[in-house]
């Protein structure tokens, strides 16, 4: 009536590691028929190397996804007319420091160019939001307010910023 479930911890541990190494080999690009052969022939040192490489691969993939989400959120800001996110090196400006935190910009760092053409780090822009009215953002250099007209746009923006770690 009930199926017997093998609860042998050593067997479960072996199966878990076997499966994890197989996933690492798939991510590396190995073909299915090669994987079983490699799993049966590899020693602990080789298995550790494969898992270490797989960990690095996964961490890089996570960083790429985080960057992609952040870029999409910044593009959404741009679409809404708040400002545009661009690499600092692409700007023709005399500004070398963030208008708020006063830190130097790095060439390939994405920065936000406000409608008034002043430049901020994306994190600084979020810190600069008006706590009394979250539909307004203002420039620390010239004091110009940038107002979101549609509260649903603002809610979408806040959600995207939270998902990407910007707020």
C-alpha atoms as a PDB file:
ATOM      1  CA  UNK A   1       0.000   0.000   0.000  1.00  0.00           C
ATOM      2  CA  UNK A   2       2.735   2.501   0.949  1.00  0.00           C
ATOM      3  CA  UNK A   3       5.872   2.800  -1.122  1.00  0.00           C
ATOM      4  CA  UNK A   4       9.079   2.312   0.795  1.00  0.00           C
ATOM      5  CA  UNK A   5      11.117   5.501   0.881  1.00  0.00           C
ATOM      6  CA  UNK A   6      14.841   5.076   1.379  1.00  0.00           C
ATOM      7  CA  UNK A   7      15.874   7.488   4.142  1.00  0.00           C
ATOM      8  CA  UNK A   8      19.549   6.571   4.133  1.00  0.00           C
ATOM      9  CA  UNK A   9      21.256   9.966   4.658  1.00  0.00           C
ATOM     10  CA  UNK A  10      24.442   8.935   2.853  1.00  0.00           C
ATOM     11  CA  UNK A  11      22.483   7.844  -0.210  1.00  0.00           C
ATOM     12  CA  UNK A  12      20.412  11.054  -0.198  1.00  0.00           C
ATOM     13  CA  UNK A  13      23.585  13.132   0.202  1.00  0.00           C
ATOM     14  CA  UNK A  14      25.242  11.295  -2.697  1.00  0.00           C
ATOM     15  CA  UNK A  15      22.169  11.739  -4.919  1.00  0.00           C
ATOM     16  CA  UNK A  16      21.974  15.441  -4.064  1.00  0.00           C
ATOM     17  CA  UNK A  17      25.632  16.040  -4.932  1.00  0.00           C
ATOM     18  CA  UNK A  18      25.360  13.852  -8.022  1.00  0.00           C
ATOM     19  CA  UNK A  19      22.386  15.943  -9.212  1.00  0.00           C
ATOM     20  CA  UNK A  20      24.112  19.231  -8.374  1.00  0.00           C
ATOM     21  CA  UNK A  21      27.250  18.271 -10.292  1.00  0.00           C
ATOM     22  CA  UNK A  22      25.097  17.161 -13.236  1.00  0.00           C
ATOM     23  CA  UNK A  23      23.385  20.585 -13.235  1.00  0.00           C
ATOM     24  CA  UNK A  24      26.790  22.274 -13.160  1.00  0.00           C
ATOM     25  CA  UNK A  25      27.921  20.211 -16.147  1.00  0.00           C
ATOM     26  CA  UNK A  26      24.741  21.107 -18.059  1.00  0.00           C
ATOM     27  CA  UNK A  27      25.325  24.808 -17.312  1.00  0.00           C
ATOM     28  CA  UNK A  28      28.892  24.376 -18.554  1.00  0.00           C
ATOM     29  CA  UNK A  29      27.526  23.066 -21.850  1.00  0.00           C
ATOM     30  CA  UNK A  30      28.248  19.346 -21.582  1.00  0.00           C
ATOM     31  CA  UNK A  31      26.019  16.994 -23.547  1.00  0.00           C
ATOM     32  CA  UNK A  32      23.735  14.590 -21.631  1.00  0.00           C
ATOM     33  CA  UNK A  33      25.589  11.475 -22.806  1.00  0.00           C
ATOM     34  CA  UNK A  34      28.901  12.947 -21.583  1.00  0.00           C
ATOM     35  CA  UNK A  35      27.554  13.895 -18.165  1.00  0.00           C
ATOM     36  CA  UNK A  36      26.921  10.387 -16.823  1.00  0.00           C
ATOM     37  CA  UNK A  37      30.348   9.257 -18.014  1.00  0.00           C
ATOM     38  CA  UNK A  38      32.058  12.239 -16.339  1.00  0.00           C
ATOM     39  CA  UNK A  39      30.086  11.755 -13.127  1.00  0.00           C
ATOM     40  CA  UNK A  40      31.247   8.150 -12.876  1.00  0.00           C
ATOM     41  CA  UNK A  41      34.907   8.947 -13.646  1.00  0.00           C
ATOM     42  CA  UNK A  42      35.574  12.172 -11.717  1.00  0.00           C
ATOM     43  CA  UNK A  43      37.354  12.364  -8.383  1.00  0.00           C
ATOM     44  CA  UNK A  44      36.476  14.661  -5.461  1.00  0.00           C
ATOM     45  CA  UNK A  45      38.938  17.350  -6.555  1.00  0.00           C
ATOM     46  CA  UNK A  46      37.386  17.536 -10.042  1.00  0.00           C
ATOM     47  CA  UNK A  47      33.880  17.583  -8.554  1.00  0.00           C
ATOM     48  CA  UNK A  48      34.862  20.432  -6.229  1.00  0.00           C
ATOM     49  CA  UNK A  49      36.316  22.411  -9.157  1.00  0.00           C
ATOM     50  CA  UNK A  50      33.124  21.932 -11.191  1.00  0.00           C
ATOM     51  CA  UNK A  51      30.948  23.027  -8.256  1.00  0.00           C
ATOM     52  CA  UNK A  52      33.199  26.012  -7.575  1.00  0.00           C
ATOM     53  CA  UNK A  53      32.964  27.094 -11.223  1.00  0.00           C
ATOM     54  CA  UNK A  54      29.184  26.572 -11.111  1.00  0.00           C
ATOM     55  CA  UNK A  55      28.923  28.765  -8.000  1.00  0.00           C
ATOM     56  CA  UNK A  56      30.857  31.534  -9.785  1.00  0.00           C
ATOM     57  CA  UNK A  57      28.647  31.092 -12.867  1.00  0.00           C
ATOM     58  CA  UNK A  58      25.483  31.419 -10.745  1.00  0.00           C
ATOM     59  CA  UNK A  59      26.801  34.478  -8.898  1.00  0.00           C
ATOM     60  CA  UNK A  60      27.644  36.178 -12.200  1.00  0.00           C
ATOM     61  CA  UNK A  61      24.215  35.329 -13.572  1.00  0.00           C
ATOM     62  CA  UNK A  62      22.590  36.884 -10.492  1.00  0.00           C
ATOM     63  CA  UNK A  63      24.693  40.050 -10.914  1.00  0.00           C
ATOM     64  CA  UNK A  64      23.685  40.249 -14.575  1.00  0.00           C
ATOM     65  CA  UNK A  65      20.001  39.878 -13.679  1.00  0.00           C
ATOM     66  CA  UNK A  66      20.275  42.526 -10.953  1.00  0.00           C
ATOM     67  CA  UNK A  67      21.963  44.895 -13.410  1.00  0.00           C
ATOM     68  CA  UNK A  68      19.307  44.193 -16.051  1.00  0.00           C
ATOM     69  CA  UNK A  69      16.480  44.884 -13.583  1.00  0.00           C
ATOM     70  CA  UNK A  70      18.163  48.095 -12.460  1.00  0.00           C
ATOM     71  CA  UNK A  71      18.654  49.250 -16.054  1.00  0.00           C
ATOM     72  CA  UNK A  72      14.994  48.481 -16.834  1.00  0.00           C
ATOM     73  CA  UNK A  73      13.873  50.480 -13.801  1.00  0.00           C
ATOM     74  CA  UNK A  74      16.055  53.388 -14.901  1.00  0.00           C
ATOM     75  CA  UNK A  75      14.653  53.131 -18.420  1.00  0.00           C
ATOM     76  CA  UNK A  76      11.181  53.311 -16.889  1.00  0.00           C
ATOM     77  CA  UNK A  77      12.195  56.520 -15.138  1.00  0.00           C
ATOM     78  CA  UNK A  78      13.317  57.855 -18.482  1.00  0.00           C
ATOM     79  CA  UNK A  79      10.057  56.816 -20.159  1.00  0.00           C
ATOM     80  CA  UNK A  80       8.149  58.716 -17.508  1.00  0.00           C
ATOM     81  CA  UNK A  81      10.134  61.851 -18.286  1.00  0.00           C
ATOM     82  CA  UNK A  82      11.917  62.115 -14.966  1.00  0.00           C
ATOM     83  CA  UNK A  83      15.416  61.802 -16.325  1.00  0.00           C
ATOM     84  CA  UNK A  84      17.541  59.550 -18.459  1.00  0.00           C
ATOM     85  CA  UNK A  85      20.078  56.990 -17.313  1.00  0.00           C
ATOM     86  CA  UNK A  86      23.264  57.075 -19.345  1.00  0.00           C
ATOM     87  CA  UNK A  87      26.899  56.064 -18.909  1.00  0.00           C
ATOM     88  CA  UNK A  88      28.799  59.025 -17.481  1.00  0.00           C
ATOM     89  CA  UNK A  89      31.406  58.727 -20.252  1.00  0.00           C
ATOM     90  CA  UNK A  90      28.728  59.428 -22.885  1.00  0.00           C
ATOM     91  CA  UNK A  91      27.836  62.844 -21.463  1.00  0.00           C
ATOM     92  CA  UNK A  92      29.337  66.075 -22.684  1.00  0.00           C
ATOM     93  CA  UNK A  93      29.431  67.919 -19.403  1.00  0.00           C
ATOM     94  CA  UNK A  94      31.797  69.763 -17.117  1.00  0.00           C
ATOM     95  CA  UNK A  95      30.215  68.125 -14.073  1.00  0.00           C
ATOM     96  CA  UNK A  96      32.602  65.564 -12.610  1.00  0.00           C
ATOM     97  CA  UNK A  97      30.871  65.069  -9.267  1.00  0.00           C
ATOM     98  CA  UNK A  98      27.387  64.067  -8.196  1.00  0.00           C
ATOM     99  CA  UNK A  99      25.286  67.122  -7.351  1.00  0.00           C
ATOM    100  CA  UNK A 100      24.186  65.506  -4.089  1.00  0.00           C
ATOM    101  CA  UNK A 101      26.916  63.272  -2.609  1.00  0.00           C
ATOM    102  CA  UNK A 102      29.807  65.139  -4.310  1.00  0.00           C
ATOM    103  CA  UNK A 103      31.581  61.865  -5.241  1.00  0.00           C
ATOM    104  CA  UNK A 104      33.446  61.694  -8.554  1.00  0.00           C
ATOM    105  CA  UNK A 105      31.667  59.884 -11.375  1.00  0.00           C
ATOM    106  CA  UNK A 106      33.339  56.854 -12.954  1.00  0.00           C
ATOM    107  CA  UNK A 107      33.406  56.659 -16.763  1.00  0.00           C
ATOM    108  CA  UNK A 108      31.251  53.544 -17.246  1.00  0.00           C
ATOM    109  CA  UNK A 109      28.983  54.223 -14.272  1.00  0.00           C
ATOM    110  CA  UNK A 110      25.326  54.838 -15.125  1.00  0.00           C
ATOM    111  CA  UNK A 111      24.157  58.229 -13.931  1.00  0.00           C
ATOM    112  CA  UNK A 112      20.867  60.062 -14.136  1.00  0.00           C
ATOM    113  CA  UNK A 113      20.659  63.213 -16.156  1.00  0.00           C
ATOM    114  CA  UNK A 114      17.709  65.232 -14.934  1.00  0.00           C
ATOM    115  CA  UNK A 115      15.522  67.238 -17.272  1.00  0.00           C
ATOM    116  CA  UNK A 116      17.409  70.316 -16.031  1.00  0.00           C
ATOM    117  CA  UNK A 117      20.613  68.565 -17.229  1.00  0.00           C
ATOM    118  CA  UNK A 118      22.168  68.186 -13.777  1.00  0.00           C
ATOM    119  CA  UNK A 119      23.681  64.796 -13.009  1.00  0.00           C
ATOM    120  CA  UNK A 120      23.147  62.466 -10.037  1.00  0.00           C
ATOM    121  CA  UNK A 121      23.889  58.898  -9.036  1.00  0.00           C
ATOM    122  CA  UNK A 122      20.700  56.849  -9.251  1.00  0.00           C
ATOM    123  CA  UNK A 123      20.783  56.144  -5.494  1.00  0.00           C
ATOM    124  CA  UNK A 124      21.186  59.850  -4.779  1.00  0.00           C
ATOM    125  CA  UNK A 125      18.118  60.629  -6.905  1.00  0.00           C
ATOM    126  CA  UNK A 126      16.017  58.300  -4.808  1.00  0.00           C
ATOM    127  CA  UNK A 127      17.350  59.825  -1.579  1.00  0.00           C
ATOM    128  CA  UNK A 128      16.417  63.234  -2.958  1.00  0.00           C
ATOM    129  CA  UNK A 129      12.744  62.397  -3.353  1.00  0.00           C
ATOM    130  CA  UNK A 130      10.373  64.647  -1.472  1.00  0.00           C
ATOM    131  CA  UNK A 131       9.138  62.704   1.592  1.00  0.00           C
ATOM    132  CA  UNK A 132       6.069  64.950   1.930  1.00  0.00           C
ATOM    133  CA  UNK A 133       5.039  64.343  -1.677  1.00  0.00           C
ATOM    134  CA  UNK A 134       6.474  61.185  -3.251  1.00  0.00           C
ATOM    135  CA  UNK A 135       5.171  62.341  -6.657  1.00  0.00           C
ATOM    136  CA  UNK A 136       7.831  65.050  -6.723  1.00  0.00           C
ATOM    137  CA  UNK A 137      11.567  64.805  -7.172  1.00  0.00           C
ATOM    138  CA  UNK A 138      13.853  67.801  -7.128  1.00  0.00           C
ATOM    139  CA  UNK A 139      17.306  68.717  -8.295  1.00  0.00           C
ATOM    140  CA  UNK A 140      19.772  69.556  -5.499  1.00  0.00           C
ATOM    141  CA  UNK A 141      21.664  71.968  -7.777  1.00  0.00           C
ATOM    142  CA  UNK A 142      18.926  74.200  -9.171  1.00  0.00           C
ATOM    143  CA  UNK A 143      15.989  73.174  -6.971  1.00  0.00           C
ATOM    144  CA  UNK A 144      13.672  72.465  -9.911  1.00  0.00           C
ATOM    145  CA  UNK A 145      10.846  70.088  -9.077  1.00  0.00           C
ATOM    146  CA  UNK A 146      10.018  67.263 -11.422  1.00  0.00           C
ATOM    147  CA  UNK A 147       6.465  66.139 -10.833  1.00  0.00           C
ATOM    148  CA  UNK A 148       4.855  62.854 -11.789  1.00  0.00           C
ATOM    149  CA  UNK A 149       1.375  63.608 -13.014  1.00  0.00           C
ATOM    150  CA  UNK A 150      -0.151  60.123 -12.881  1.00  0.00           C
ATOM    151  CA  UNK A 151      -0.132  58.478  -9.459  1.00  0.00           C
ATOM    152  CA  UNK A 152      -0.413  55.039 -11.075  1.00  0.00           C
ATOM    153  CA  UNK A 153       2.858  55.758 -12.902  1.00  0.00           C
ATOM    154  CA  UNK A 154       4.408  56.714  -9.580  1.00  0.00           C
ATOM    155  CA  UNK A 155       3.208  53.485  -7.947  1.00  0.00           C
ATOM    156  CA  UNK A 156       4.633  51.435 -10.832  1.00  0.00           C
ATOM    157  CA  UNK A 157       7.900  53.334 -10.528  1.00  0.00           C
ATOM    158  CA  UNK A 158       8.169  52.730  -6.786  1.00  0.00           C
ATOM    159  CA  UNK A 159       7.411  49.018  -7.244  1.00  0.00           C
ATOM    160  CA  UNK A 160      10.056  48.670  -9.966  1.00  0.00           C
ATOM    161  CA  UNK A 161      12.566  50.594  -7.884  1.00  0.00           C
ATOM    162  CA  UNK A 162      11.893  48.352  -4.878  1.00  0.00           C
ATOM    163  CA  UNK A 163      12.240  45.189  -6.976  1.00  0.00           C
ATOM    164  CA  UNK A 164      15.563  46.381  -8.355  1.00  0.00           C
ATOM    165  CA  UNK A 165      16.863  47.450  -4.958  1.00  0.00           C
ATOM    166  CA  UNK A 166      16.772  51.154  -5.743  1.00  0.00           C
ATOM    167  CA  UNK A 167      14.297  52.106  -3.013  1.00  0.00           C
END
